[in-house]
PDB file of N, CA and C in Angstrom:
ATOM      1  N   MET A   1      23.084  39.283  12.134  1.00  0.00           N
ATOM      2  CA  MET A   1      22.057  38.204  11.639  1.00  0.00           C
ATOM      3  C   MET A   1      22.437  36.685  11.806  1.00  0.00           C
ATOM      4  N   VAL A   2      22.004  35.777  12.366  1.00  0.00           N
ATOM      5  CA  VAL A   2      22.165  34.623  12.813  1.00  0.00           C
ATOM      6  C   VAL A   2      22.453  33.789  11.470  1.00  0.00           C
ATOM      7  N   LYS A   3      22.964  33.002  11.330  1.00  0.00           N
ATOM      8  CA  LYS A   3      23.190  32.360  10.494  1.00  0.00           C
ATOM      9  C   LYS A   3      23.020  30.604  10.454  1.00  0.00           C
ATOM     10  N   SER A   4      22.596  29.833   9.663  1.00  0.00           N
ATOM     11  CA  SER A   4      21.758  28.763  10.069  1.00  0.00           C
ATOM     12  C   SER A   4      22.695  27.746   8.850  1.00  0.00           C
ATOM     13  N   GLN A   5      22.589  26.629   9.456  1.00  0.00           N
ATOM     14  CA  GLN A   5      23.059  25.592   8.395  1.00  0.00           C
ATOM     15  C   GLN A   5      21.736  24.256   7.772  1.00  0.00           C
ATOM     16  N   CYS A   6      21.950  24.254   6.350  1.00  0.00           N
ATOM     17  CA  CYS A   6      20.702  23.538   5.802  1.00  0.00           C
ATOM     18  C   CYS A   6      21.271  21.929   6.457  1.00  0.00           C
ATOM     19  N   LEU A   7      19.910  21.579   6.589  1.00  0.00           N
ATOM     20  CA  LEU A   7      19.865  20.373   6.728  1.00  0.00           C
ATOM     21  C   LEU A   7      20.252  19.134   5.483  1.00  0.00           C
ATOM     22  N   TYR A   8      20.095  19.619   3.890  1.00  0.00           N
ATOM     23  CA  TYR A   8      20.024  19.221   3.184  1.00  0.00           C
ATOM     24  C   TYR A   8      21.513  18.727   2.788  1.00  0.00           C
ATOM     25  N   SER A   9      22.118  20.373   2.565  1.00  0.00           N
ATOM     26  CA  SER A   9      23.368  20.398   1.678  1.00  0.00           C
ATOM     27  C   SER A   9      24.465  20.728   2.740  1.00  0.00           C
ATOM     28  N   GLY A  10      24.171  21.212   3.963  1.00  0.00           N
ATOM     29  CA  GLY A  10      25.189  21.702   4.761  1.00  0.00           C
ATOM     30  C   GLY A  10      25.632  23.190   4.590  1.00  0.00           C
ATOM     31  N   GLU A  11      25.361  23.691   3.811  1.00  0.00           N
ATOM     32  CA  GLU A  11      25.592  25.224   3.392  1.00  0.00           C
ATOM     33  C   GLU A  11      24.410  26.079   4.540  1.00  0.00           C
ATOM     34  N   GLU A  12      25.612  27.123   4.743  1.00  0.00           N
ATOM     35  CA  GLU A  12      25.226  28.180   5.352  1.00  0.00           C
ATOM     36  C   GLU A  12      24.415  29.239   4.208  1.00  0.00           C
ATOM     37  N   PHE A  13      23.487  29.847   5.427  1.00  0.00           N
ATOM     38  CA  PHE A  13      22.563  30.914   5.111  1.00  0.00           C
ATOM     39  C   PHE A  13      21.801  31.666   5.977  1.00  0.00           C
ATOM     40  N   ILE A  14      20.965  32.786   5.586  1.00  0.00           N
ATOM     41  CA  ILE A  14      20.492  33.507   6.728  1.00  0.00           C
ATOM     42  C   ILE A  14      18.913  32.943   6.519  1.00  0.00           C
ATOM     43  N   PRO A  15      18.415  32.302   7.499  1.00  0.00           N
ATOM     44  CA  PRO A  15      16.712  32.125   7.559  1.00  0.00           C
ATOM     45  C   PRO A  15      15.975  33.518   7.276  1.00  0.00           C
ATOM     46  N   ARG A  16      15.050  33.389   6.814  1.00  0.00           N
ATOM     47  CA  ARG A  16      14.307  34.369   6.791  1.00  0.00           C
ATOM     48  C   ARG A  16      13.056  34.378   7.783  1.00  0.00           C
ATOM     49  N   ARG A  17      12.934  32.893   8.117  1.00  0.00           N
ATOM     50  CA  ARG A  17      12.077  32.741   9.482  1.00  0.00           C
ATOM     51  C   ARG A  17      12.631  32.312  10.456  1.00  0.00           C
ATOM     52  N   THR A  18      11.722  32.143  11.483  1.00  0.00           N
ATOM     53  CA  THR A  18      12.877  31.431  12.727  1.00  0.00           C
ATOM     54  C   THR A  18      12.800  29.929  12.785  1.00  0.00           C
ATOM     55  N   ASN A  19      11.829  29.524  11.556  1.00  0.00           N
ATOM     56  CA  ASN A  19      11.778  27.575  12.143  1.00  0.00           C
ATOM     57  C   ASN A  19      12.587  27.290  10.242  1.00  0.00           C
ATOM     58  N   GLN A  20      12.959  28.027   9.902  1.00  0.00           N
ATOM     59  CA  GLN A  20      13.626  27.605   8.762  1.00  0.00           C
ATOM     60  C   GLN A  20      14.855  26.619   8.798  1.00  0.00           C
ATOM     61  N   LYS A  21      14.694  25.643   7.985  1.00  0.00           N
ATOM     62  CA  LYS A  21      15.660  24.506   8.132  1.00  0.00           C
ATOM     63  C   LYS A  21      16.435  24.472   7.075  1.00  0.00           C
ATOM     64  N   PHE A  22      16.069  25.052   5.723  1.00  0.00           N
ATOM     65  CA  PHE A  22      16.448  24.896   4.431  1.00  0.00           C
ATOM     66  C   PHE A  22      17.009  25.794   3.813  1.00  0.00           C
ATOM     67  N   ALA A  23      17.920  25.697   2.827  1.00  0.00           N
ATOM     68  CA  ALA A  23      18.329  26.871   2.173  1.00  0.00           C
ATOM     69  C   ALA A  23      17.537  27.597   1.397  1.00  0.00           C
ATOM     70  N   SER A  24      17.095  26.699   0.557  1.00  0.00           N
ATOM     71  CA  SER A  24      16.098  26.565  -0.308  1.00  0.00           C
ATOM     72  C   SER A  24      14.902  25.405  -0.791  1.00  0.00           C
ATOM     73  N   THR A  25      13.575  25.915  -1.259  1.00  0.00           N
ATOM     74  CA  THR A  25      12.896  25.486  -1.486  1.00  0.00           C
ATOM     75  C   THR A  25      13.291  23.845  -2.190  1.00  0.00           C
ATOM     76  N   LYS A  26      14.051  23.898  -2.698  1.00  0.00           N
ATOM     77  CA  LYS A  26      14.604  22.574  -3.727  1.00  0.00           C
ATOM     78  C   LYS A  26      15.607  21.906  -2.834  1.00  0.00           C
ATOM     79  N   ASN A  27      15.930  22.409  -2.105  1.00  0.00           N
ATOM     80  CA  ASN A  27      16.597  21.789  -1.099  1.00  0.00           C
ATOM     81  C   ASN A  27      15.581  20.700  -0.042  1.00  0.00           C
ATOM     82  N   ARG A  28      14.854  21.542   0.623  1.00  0.00           N
ATOM     83  CA  ARG A  28      13.831  20.926   1.304  1.00  0.00           C
ATOM     84  C   ARG A  28      12.940  19.877   0.477  1.00  0.00           C
ATOM     85  N   MET A  29      12.359  19.922  -0.243  1.00  0.00           N
ATOM     86  CA  MET A  29      11.788  18.891  -1.536  1.00  0.00           C
ATOM     87  C   MET A  29      13.075  17.793  -1.566  1.00  0.00           C
ATOM     88  N   ASP A  30      14.140  18.201  -1.820  1.00  0.00           N
ATOM     89  CA  ASP A  30      15.096  16.716  -1.877  1.00  0.00           C
ATOM     90  C   ASP A  30      15.467  16.318  -1.117  1.00  0.00           C
ATOM     91  N   TYR A  31      15.171  16.872   0.250  1.00  0.00           N
ATOM     92  CA  TYR A  31      15.644  16.203   1.464  1.00  0.00           C
ATOM     93  C   TYR A  31      14.248  15.577   2.082  1.00  0.00           C
ATOM     94  N   HIS A  32      13.242  15.835   1.686  1.00  0.00           N
ATOM     95  CA  HIS A  32      12.280  15.041   2.171  1.00  0.00           C
ATOM     96  C   HIS A  32      11.948  13.709   0.753  1.00  0.00           C
ATOM     97  N   ASN A  33      12.415  13.959  -0.602  1.00  0.00           N
ATOM     98  CA  ASN A  33      12.048  13.196  -1.406  1.00  0.00           C
ATOM     99  C   ASN A  33      13.161  11.909  -1.433  1.00  0.00           C
ATOM    100  N   SER A  34      14.660  12.512  -0.983  1.00  0.00           N
ATOM    101  CA  SER A  34      15.656  11.390  -0.536  1.00  0.00           C
ATOM    102  C   SER A  34      15.315  10.247   0.541  1.00  0.00           C
ATOM    103  N   ARG A  35      14.343  11.032   2.437  1.00  0.00           N
ATOM    104  CA  ARG A  35      14.088  10.133   2.790  1.00  0.00           C
ATOM    105  C   ARG A  35      13.229   9.248   3.037  1.00  0.00           C
ATOM    106  N   TYR A  36      12.180   9.886   1.862  1.00  0.00           N
ATOM    107  CA  TYR A  36      11.277   8.547   2.020  1.00  0.00           C
ATOM    108  C   TYR A  36      11.116   7.858   0.732  1.00  0.00           C
ATOM    109  N   ARG A  37      12.326   7.965   0.017  1.00  0.00           N
ATOM    110  CA  ARG A  37      12.267   7.342  -1.266  1.00  0.00           C
ATOM    111  C   ARG A  37      12.797   5.829  -1.152  1.00  0.00           C
ATOM    112  N   ALA A  38      13.211   5.659  -0.055  1.00  0.00           N
ATOM    113  CA  ALA A  38      13.547   3.909   0.012  1.00  0.00           C
ATOM    114  C   ALA A  38      12.503   3.307   1.278  1.00  0.00           C
ATOM    115  N   PHE A  39      11.706   4.364   1.804  1.00  0.00           N
ATOM    116  CA  PHE A  39      10.339   3.741   2.178  1.00  0.00           C
ATOM    117  C   PHE A  39       9.482   2.925   1.182  1.00  0.00           C
ATOM    118  N   ARG A  40       9.611   4.289   0.163  1.00  0.00           N
ATOM    119  CA  ARG A  40       8.484   3.695  -0.506  1.00  0.00           C
ATOM    120  C   ARG A  40       9.173   2.644  -1.641  1.00  0.00           C
ATOM    121  N   LYS A  41      10.207   2.383  -2.235  1.00  0.00           N
ATOM    122  CA  LYS A  41      10.800   1.409  -2.843  1.00  0.00           C
ATOM    123  C   LYS A  41      10.950   0.173  -2.145  1.00  0.00           C
ATOM    124  N   GLN A  42      10.777  -0.008  -0.638  1.00  0.00           N
ATOM    125  CA  GLN A  42      10.413  -1.261   0.371  1.00  0.00           C
ATOM    126  C   GLN A  42       8.863  -1.557   0.236  1.00  0.00           C
ATOM    127  N   LYS A  43       8.238  -0.435   0.215  1.00  0.00           N
ATOM    128  CA  LYS A  43       6.877  -0.594   0.083  1.00  0.00           C
ATOM    129  C   LYS A  43       6.113  -0.950  -0.741  1.00  0.00           C
ATOM    130  N   ALA A  44       6.787  -0.715  -2.217  1.00  0.00           N
ATOM    131  CA  ALA A  44       5.903  -1.093  -3.607  1.00  0.00           C
ATOM    132  C   ALA A  44       5.879  -2.769  -4.006  1.00  0.00           C
ATOM    133  N   LYS A  45       6.961  -3.445  -3.720  1.00  0.00           N
ATOM    134  CA  LYS A  45       6.901  -4.441  -4.047  1.00  0.00           C
ATOM    135  C   LYS A  45       5.486  -5.197  -3.338  1.00  0.00           C
ATOM    136  N   TYR A  46       5.168  -4.958  -2.365  1.00  0.00           N
ATOM    137  CA  TYR A  46       3.725  -5.345  -1.701  1.00  0.00           C
ATOM    138  C   TYR A  46       2.723  -4.707  -2.115  1.00  0.00           C
ATOM    139  N   ASP A  47       2.650  -3.205  -2.527  1.00  0.00           N
ATOM    140  CA  ASP A  47       1.681  -2.270  -2.994  1.00  0.00           C
ATOM    141  C   ASP A  47       1.443  -3.109  -4.375  1.00  0.00           C
ATOM    142  N   GLU A  48       2.142  -3.342  -5.538  1.00  0.00           N
ATOM    143  CA  GLU A  48       1.841  -4.160  -6.614  1.00  0.00           C
ATOM    144  C   GLU A  48       1.285  -4.963  -6.747  1.00  0.00           C
ATOM    145  N   LYS A  49       1.368  -6.160  -5.409  1.00  0.00           N
ATOM    146  CA  LYS A  49       0.458  -7.365  -5.614  1.00  0.00           C
ATOM    147  C   LYS A  49      -0.858  -6.925  -4.657  1.00  0.00           C
ATOM    148  N   LEU A  50      -0.595  -6.232  -3.641  1.00  0.00           N
ATOM    149  CA  LEU A  50      -2.214  -5.812  -3.382  1.00  0.00           C
ATOM    150  C   LEU A  50      -3.331  -5.123  -4.489  1.00  0.00           C
ATOM    151  N   HIS A  51      -2.585  -4.070  -5.352  1.00  0.00           N
ATOM    152  CA  HIS A  51      -2.813  -3.537  -6.347  1.00  0.00           C
ATOM    153  C   HIS A  51      -3.558  -4.640  -7.665  1.00  0.00           C
ATOM    154  N   LYS A  52      -2.714  -5.810  -7.843  1.00  0.00           N
ATOM    155  CA  LYS A  52      -3.031  -6.960  -8.937  1.00  0.00           C
ATOM    156  C   LYS A  52      -4.419  -7.774  -8.189  1.00  0.00           C
ATOM    157  N   ASN A  53      -4.144  -7.937  -6.932  1.00  0.00           N
ATOM    158  CA  ASN A  53      -4.879  -8.646  -6.297  1.00  0.00           C
ATOM    159  C   ASN A  53      -6.034  -7.989  -6.299  1.00  0.00           C
ATOM    160  N   PHE A  54      -6.487  -6.671  -6.110  1.00  0.00           N
ATOM    161  CA  PHE A  54      -7.145  -5.930  -6.230  1.00  0.00           C
ATOM    162  C   PHE A  54      -8.100  -6.177  -7.615  1.00  0.00           C
ATOM    163  N   CYS A  55      -7.389  -5.820  -8.285  1.00  0.00           N
ATOM    164  CA  CYS A  55      -7.972  -5.454 -10.177  1.00  0.00           C
ATOM    165  C   CYS A  55      -8.736  -6.934 -10.241  1.00  0.00           C
ATOM    166  N   VAL A  56      -7.937  -8.370 -10.409  1.00  0.00           N
ATOM    167  CA  VAL A  56      -8.574  -9.433 -10.251  1.00  0.00           C
ATOM    168  C   VAL A  56      -9.703  -9.534  -9.568  1.00  0.00           C
ATOM    169  N   LEU A  57      -9.888  -9.308  -8.019  1.00  0.00           N
ATOM    170  CA  LEU A  57     -10.981  -9.561  -7.694  1.00  0.00           C
ATOM    171  C   LEU A  57     -12.085  -8.836  -7.876  1.00  0.00           C
ATOM    172  N   ASN A  58     -12.123  -7.122  -8.508  1.00  0.00           N
ATOM    173  CA  ASN A  58     -13.004  -6.632  -8.964  1.00  0.00           C
ATOM    174  C   ASN A  58     -13.612  -7.129 -10.165  1.00  0.00           C
ATOM    175  N   GLU A  59     -12.410  -7.542 -11.518  1.00  0.00           N
ATOM    176  CA  GLU A  59     -13.190  -7.997 -12.206  1.00  0.00           C
ATOM    177  C   GLU A  59     -13.887  -9.026 -12.467  1.00  0.00           C
ATOM    178  N   LEU A  60     -13.547 -10.211 -11.599  1.00  0.00           N
ATOM    179  CA  LEU A  60     -14.483 -11.251 -11.170  1.00  0.00           C
ATOM    180  C   LEU A  60     -15.373 -11.184 -10.553  1.00  0.00           C
ATOM    181  N   LEU A  61     -15.819 -10.173  -9.514  1.00  0.00           N
ATOM    182  CA  LEU A  61     -17.029 -10.007  -8.912  1.00  0.00           C
ATOM    183  C   LEU A  61     -17.516  -8.417  -9.221  1.00  0.00           C
ATOM    184  N   SER A  62     -17.631  -8.385 -10.951  1.00  0.00           N
ATOM    185  CA  SER A  62     -18.026  -6.787 -11.070  1.00  0.00           C
ATOM    186  C   SER A  62     -19.317  -7.034 -11.467  1.00  0.00           C
ATOM    187  N   ASP A  63     -19.737  -7.900 -11.273  1.00  0.00           N
ATOM    188  CA  ASP A  63     -21.628  -8.224 -11.303  1.00  0.00           C
ATOM    189  C   ASP A  63     -22.354  -8.802  -9.817  1.00  0.00           C
ATOM    190  N   THR A  64     -21.518  -9.639  -9.368  1.00  0.00           N
ATOM    191  CA  THR A  64     -21.838 -10.159  -8.423  1.00  0.00           C
ATOM    192  C   THR A  64     -21.143 -10.013  -7.175  1.00  0.00           C
ATOM    193  N   ASP A  65     -21.887 -10.463  -5.665  1.00  0.00           N
ATOM    194  CA  ASP A  65     -21.169  -9.716  -4.384  1.00  0.00           C
ATOM    195  C   ASP A  65     -20.666 -11.241  -4.199  1.00  0.00           C
ATOM    196  N   VAL A  66     -20.877 -12.355  -4.198  1.00  0.00           N
ATOM    197  CA  VAL A  66     -19.873 -13.535  -3.913  1.00  0.00           C
ATOM    198  C   VAL A  66     -20.000 -14.339  -4.750  1.00  0.00           C
ATOM    199  N   ALA A  67     -18.676 -15.019  -4.840  1.00  0.00           N
ATOM    200  CA  ALA A  67     -17.861 -15.897  -6.099  1.00  0.00           C
ATOM    201  C   ALA A  67     -17.148 -17.069  -5.367  1.00  0.00           C
ATOM    202  N   VAL A  68     -17.067 -18.182  -6.208  1.00  0.00           N
ATOM    203  CA  VAL A  68     -15.914 -18.926  -5.768  1.00  0.00           C
ATOM    204  C   VAL A  68     -15.227 -19.593  -7.140  1.00  0.00           C
ATOM    205  N   TYR A  69     -13.783 -19.389  -6.452  1.00  0.00           N
ATOM    206  CA  TYR A  69     -13.038 -19.437  -8.016  1.00  0.00           C
ATOM    207  C   TYR A  69     -11.924 -20.654  -7.230  1.00  0.00           C
ATOM    208  N   HIS A  70     -11.535 -21.459  -8.388  1.00  0.00           N
ATOM    209  CA  HIS A  70     -10.175 -22.712  -7.553  1.00  0.00           C
ATOM    210  C   HIS A  70      -9.283 -22.189  -7.655  1.00  0.00           C
ATOM    211  N   LYS A  71      -8.614 -22.153  -6.831  1.00  0.00           N
ATOM    212  CA  LYS A  71      -6.916 -21.775  -6.498  1.00  0.00           C
ATOM    213  C   LYS A  71      -5.860 -21.630  -8.035  1.00  0.00           C
ATOM    214  N   GLN A  72      -6.332 -22.831  -8.590  1.00  0.00           N
ATOM    215  CA  GLN A  72      -5.657 -22.774  -9.964  1.00  0.00           C
ATOM    216  C   GLN A  72      -5.777 -21.808 -11.016  1.00  0.00           C
ATOM    217  N   PHE A  73      -7.010 -21.538 -10.973  1.00  0.00           N
ATOM    218  CA  PHE A  73      -7.615 -20.239 -11.586  1.00  0.00           C
ATOM    219  C   PHE A  73      -7.157 -18.973 -11.216  1.00  0.00           C
ATOM    220  N   LEU A  74      -7.144 -18.778 -10.279  1.00  0.00           N
ATOM    221  CA  LEU A  74      -6.744 -17.307  -9.614  1.00  0.00           C
ATOM    222  C   LEU A  74      -5.308 -17.446  -9.612  1.00  0.00           C
ATOM    223  N   LYS A  75      -4.672 -18.337  -9.775  1.00  0.00           N
ATOM    224  CA  LYS A  75      -3.389 -18.481  -9.368  1.00  0.00           C
ATOM    225  C   LYS A  75      -2.934 -17.787 -11.670  1.00  0.00           C
ATOM    226  N   GLY A  76      -3.541 -18.306 -12.280  1.00  0.00           N
ATOM    227  CA  GLY A  76      -3.529 -18.437 -13.477  1.00  0.00           C
ATOM    228  C   GLY A  76      -3.690 -16.522 -13.978  1.00  0.00           C
ATOM    229  N   LYS A  77      -4.737 -16.173 -12.958  1.00  0.00           N
ATOM    230  CA  LYS A  77      -5.144 -14.461 -13.442  1.00  0.00           C
ATOM    231  C   LYS A  77      -3.907 -13.815 -12.732  1.00  0.00           C
ATOM    232  N   GLY A  78      -2.728 -14.719 -12.062  1.00  0.00           N
ATOM    233  CA  GLY A  78      -2.200 -13.602 -11.405  1.00  0.00           C
ATOM    234  C   GLY A  78      -2.186 -13.056  -9.723  1.00  0.00           C
ATOM    235  N   PHE A  79      -3.064 -13.816  -9.212  1.00  0.00           N
ATOM    236  CA  PHE A  79      -3.425 -13.333  -8.051  1.00  0.00           C
ATOM    237  C   PHE A  79      -2.284 -13.965  -6.904  1.00  0.00           C
ATOM    238  N   SER A  80      -1.879 -13.414  -5.870  1.00  0.00           N
ATOM    239  CA  SER A  80      -0.888 -13.631  -4.941  1.00  0.00           C
ATOM    240  C   SER A  80      -1.746 -14.478  -3.580  1.00  0.00           C
ATOM    241  N   PHE A  81      -1.604 -15.118  -3.311  1.00  0.00           N
ATOM    242  CA  PHE A  81      -2.610 -15.696  -1.719  1.00  0.00           C
ATOM    243  C   PHE A  81      -1.781 -15.158  -0.947  1.00  0.00           C
ATOM    244  N   ASN A  82      -0.763 -14.651  -0.807  1.00  0.00           N
ATOM    245  CA  ASN A  82       0.384 -14.089   0.279  1.00  0.00           C
ATOM    246  C   ASN A  82       0.444 -12.726   0.980  1.00  0.00           C
ATOM    247  N   VAL A  83      -0.556 -12.119   0.367  1.00  0.00           N
ATOM    248  CA  VAL A  83      -0.649 -10.591   0.635  1.00  0.00           C
ATOM    249  C   VAL A  83      -2.541 -10.601   0.709  1.00  0.00           C
ATOM    250  N   LEU A  84      -2.438  -9.520   2.085  1.00  0.00           N
ATOM    251  CA  LEU A  84      -3.879  -9.627   2.124  1.00  0.00           C
ATOM    252  C   LEU A  84      -4.028  -8.082   3.372  1.00  0.00           C
ATOM    253  N   THR A  85      -5.027  -7.228   3.105  1.00  0.00           N
ATOM    254  CA  THR A  85      -4.865  -6.141   4.121  1.00  0.00           C
ATOM    255  C   THR A  85      -5.205  -5.994   5.488  1.00  0.00           C
ATOM    256  N   HIS A  86      -6.231  -7.255   6.101  1.00  0.00           N
ATOM    257  CA  HIS A  86      -6.537  -7.257   7.222  1.00  0.00           C
ATOM    258  C   HIS A  86      -7.211  -8.249   7.402  1.00  0.00           C
ATOM    259  N   PHE A  87      -7.902  -8.583   8.530  1.00  0.00           N
ATOM    260  CA  PHE A  87      -8.674  -9.081   9.101  1.00  0.00           C
ATOM    261  C   PHE A  87      -9.888  -9.205   9.464  1.00  0.00           C
ATOM    262  N   GLU A  88     -11.286  -9.642   9.540  1.00  0.00           N
ATOM    263  CA  GLU A  88     -12.155  -9.461   9.792  1.00  0.00           C
ATOM    264  C   GLU A  88     -13.240 -10.714  10.332  1.00  0.00           C
ATOM    265  N   ARG A  89     -13.928 -10.426  11.616  1.00  0.00           N
ATOM    266  CA  ARG A  89     -14.298 -11.251  11.924  1.00  0.00           C
ATOM    267  C   ARG A  89     -15.702 -11.390  11.773  1.00  0.00           C
ATOM    268  N   VAL A  90     -16.033 -12.755  11.457  1.00  0.00           N
ATOM    269  CA  VAL A  90     -17.099 -13.385  10.878  1.00  0.00           C
ATOM    270  C   VAL A  90     -17.388 -14.521  11.442  1.00  0.00           C
ATOM    271  N   ASN A  91     -18.877 -14.219  12.189  1.00  0.00           N
ATOM    272  CA  ASN A  91     -19.323 -15.611  12.945  1.00  0.00           C
ATOM    273  C   ASN A  91     -18.606 -16.465  13.891  1.00  0.00           C
ATOM    274  N   GLY A  92     -17.628 -15.457  14.961  1.00  0.00           N
ATOM    275  CA  GLY A  92     -16.068 -15.753  15.649  1.00  0.00           C
ATOM    276  C   GLY A  92     -14.946 -16.410  15.073  1.00  0.00           C
ATOM    277  N   ARG A  93     -14.866 -16.208  13.800  1.00  0.00           N
ATOM    278  CA  ARG A  93     -13.797 -16.379  13.045  1.00  0.00           C
ATOM    279  C   ARG A  93     -12.944 -15.386  12.388  1.00  0.00           C
ATOM    280  N   ASP A  94     -11.936 -15.100  12.939  1.00  0.00           N
ATOM    281  CA  ASP A  94     -11.310 -14.200  11.908  1.00  0.00           C
ATOM    282  C   ASP A  94     -10.801 -14.463  10.267  1.00  0.00           C
ATOM    283  N   LEU A  95     -11.456 -13.752   9.270  1.00  0.00           N
ATOM    284  CA  LEU A  95     -11.238 -14.260   7.790  1.00  0.00           C
ATOM    285  C   LEU A  95     -10.319 -13.059   7.279  1.00  0.00           C
ATOM    286  N   PRO A  96      -9.228 -13.759   6.433  1.00  0.00           N
ATOM    287  CA  PRO A  96      -8.645 -12.784   5.587  1.00  0.00           C
ATOM    288  C   PRO A  96      -9.306 -11.976   4.611  1.00  0.00           C
ATOM    289  N   ALA A  97      -8.846 -10.590   4.672  1.00  0.00           N
ATOM    290  CA  ALA A  97      -9.653  -9.996   3.570  1.00  0.00           C
ATOM    291  C   ALA A  97      -8.724  -9.265   2.923  1.00  0.00           C
ATOM    292  N   LEU A  98      -9.093  -8.704   1.661  1.00  0.00           N
ATOM    293  CA  LEU A  98      -8.215  -7.961   0.727  1.00  0.00           C
ATOM    294  C   LEU A  98      -9.226  -6.610   0.358  1.00  0.00           C
ATOM    295  N   TYR A  99      -8.821  -5.387   1.141  1.00  0.00           N
ATOM    296  CA  TYR A  99      -9.787  -4.081   1.081  1.00  0.00           C
ATOM    297  C   TYR A  99     -11.227  -4.405   0.971  1.00  0.00           C
ATOM    298  N   SER A 100     -11.936  -4.485   0.122  1.00  0.00           N
ATOM    299  CA  SER A 100     -13.437  -4.768   0.827  1.00  0.00           C
ATOM    300  C   SER A 100     -14.013  -5.966   0.048  1.00  0.00           C
ATOM    301  N   PHE A 101     -12.811  -7.039  -0.069  1.00  0.00           N
ATOM    302  CA  PHE A 101     -13.421  -8.100  -0.489  1.00  0.00           C
ATOM    303  C   PHE A 101     -12.689  -9.330   0.881  1.00  0.00           C
ATOM    304  N   LEU A 102     -13.833 -10.238   1.168  1.00  0.00           N
ATOM    305  CA  LEU A 102     -13.446 -11.042   2.454  1.00  0.00           C
ATOM    306  C   LEU A 102     -13.228 -12.701   1.606  1.00  0.00           C
ATOM    307  N   ILE A 103     -12.302 -13.200   1.998  1.00  0.00           N
ATOM    308  CA  ILE A 103     -11.778 -14.207   1.102  1.00  0.00           C
ATOM    309  C   ILE A 103     -11.788 -15.578   2.277  1.00  0.00           C
ATOM    310  N   GLU A 104     -12.577 -16.558   1.931  1.00  0.00           N
ATOM    311  CA  GLU A 104     -12.680 -17.459   2.852  1.00  0.00           C
ATOM    312  C   GLU A 104     -12.499 -19.420   2.197  1.00  0.00           C
ATOM    313  N   PRO A 105     -11.571 -19.184   2.546  1.00  0.00           N
ATOM    314  CA  PRO A 105     -10.576 -20.567   2.093  1.00  0.00           C
ATOM    315  C   PRO A 105     -11.664 -21.771   2.054  1.00  0.00           C
ATOM    316  N   LYS A 106     -11.646 -22.531   1.315  1.00  0.00           N
ATOM    317  CA  LYS A 106     -12.791 -24.006   0.999  1.00  0.00           C
ATOM    318  C   LYS A 106     -11.976 -24.754   0.264  1.00  0.00           C
ATOM    319  N   GLY A 107     -10.848 -25.675   0.993  1.00  0.00           N
ATOM    320  CA  GLY A 107     -10.156 -26.579  -0.021  1.00  0.00           C
ATOM    321  C   GLY A 107      -9.613 -26.156  -1.314  1.00  0.00           C
ATOM    322  N   ASP A 108      -9.651 -26.358  -2.393  1.00  0.00           N
ATOM    323  CA  ASP A 108      -9.185 -26.326  -3.426  1.00  0.00           C
ATOM    324  C   ASP A 108      -9.356 -24.846  -3.778  1.00  0.00           C
ATOM    325  N   GLU A 109     -11.179 -24.574  -3.321  1.00  0.00           N
ATOM    326  CA  GLU A 109     -11.715 -23.159  -3.890  1.00  0.00           C
ATOM    327  C   GLU A 109     -11.105 -22.315  -2.842  1.00  0.00           C
ATOM    328  N   ILE A 110     -11.807 -20.993  -3.191  1.00  0.00           N
ATOM    329  CA  ILE A 110     -11.728 -19.905  -2.536  1.00  0.00           C
ATOM    330  C   ILE A 110     -13.319 -19.274  -2.909  1.00  0.00           C
ATOM    331  N   GLN A 111     -13.738 -18.796  -1.873  1.00  0.00           N
ATOM    332  CA  GLN A 111     -14.813 -17.874  -1.686  1.00  0.00           C
ATOM    333  C   GLN A 111     -14.761 -16.253  -1.292  1.00  0.00           C
ATOM    334  N   PHE A 112     -15.011 -15.747  -2.151  1.00  0.00           N
ATOM    335  CA  PHE A 112     -15.000 -14.441  -2.030  1.00  0.00           C
ATOM    336  C   PHE A 112     -15.936 -13.479  -2.248  1.00  0.00           C
ATOM    337  N   LYS A 113     -16.129 -12.825  -1.034  1.00  0.00           N
ATOM    338  CA  LYS A 113     -17.579 -11.708  -0.895  1.00  0.00           C
ATOM    339  C   LYS A 113     -17.190 -10.411  -0.657  1.00  0.00           C
ATOM    340  N   ARG A 114     -18.025  -9.811  -1.314  1.00  0.00           N
ATOM    341  CA  ARG A 114     -17.994  -8.463  -0.872  1.00  0.00           C
ATOM    342  C   ARG A 114     -18.386  -7.768  -0.133  1.00  0.00           C
ATOM    343  N   ILE A 115     -17.551  -6.812   0.786  1.00  0.00           N
ATOM    344  CA  ILE A 115     -18.028  -6.028   2.003  1.00  0.00           C
ATOM    345  C   ILE A 115     -18.018  -4.686   1.824  1.00  0.00           C
ATOM    346  N   SER A 116     -18.873  -4.445   2.886  1.00  0.00           N
ATOM    347  CA  SER A 116     -19.113  -2.852   2.728  1.00  0.00           C
ATOM    348  C   SER A 116     -18.557  -2.250   3.759  1.00  0.00           C
TER     349      SER A 116
END
């Protein structure tokens, strides 16, 4: 039998399948968890801000599709102005958007529209 070396622990094992790369299921799971832990941690600080912004807008626009709020009011709610998910082209202009909300700055106020 041909022995293989585990990608995670480095131990030698006899594979039960031709494509087996890990000595055990635990080693396979630990390998993938450790590999992506840094990626998830790096992404988390932005995901938290996006989630907070989404919750603020969902609360403020719960019963309407369009609303205008002052920047200071949004700041007090914990809204972060420097994170968004994409841009939407509207009437030849690229406007920032956060998930299903279109963001249109108007001086010291910001108009939010729910997009479908």
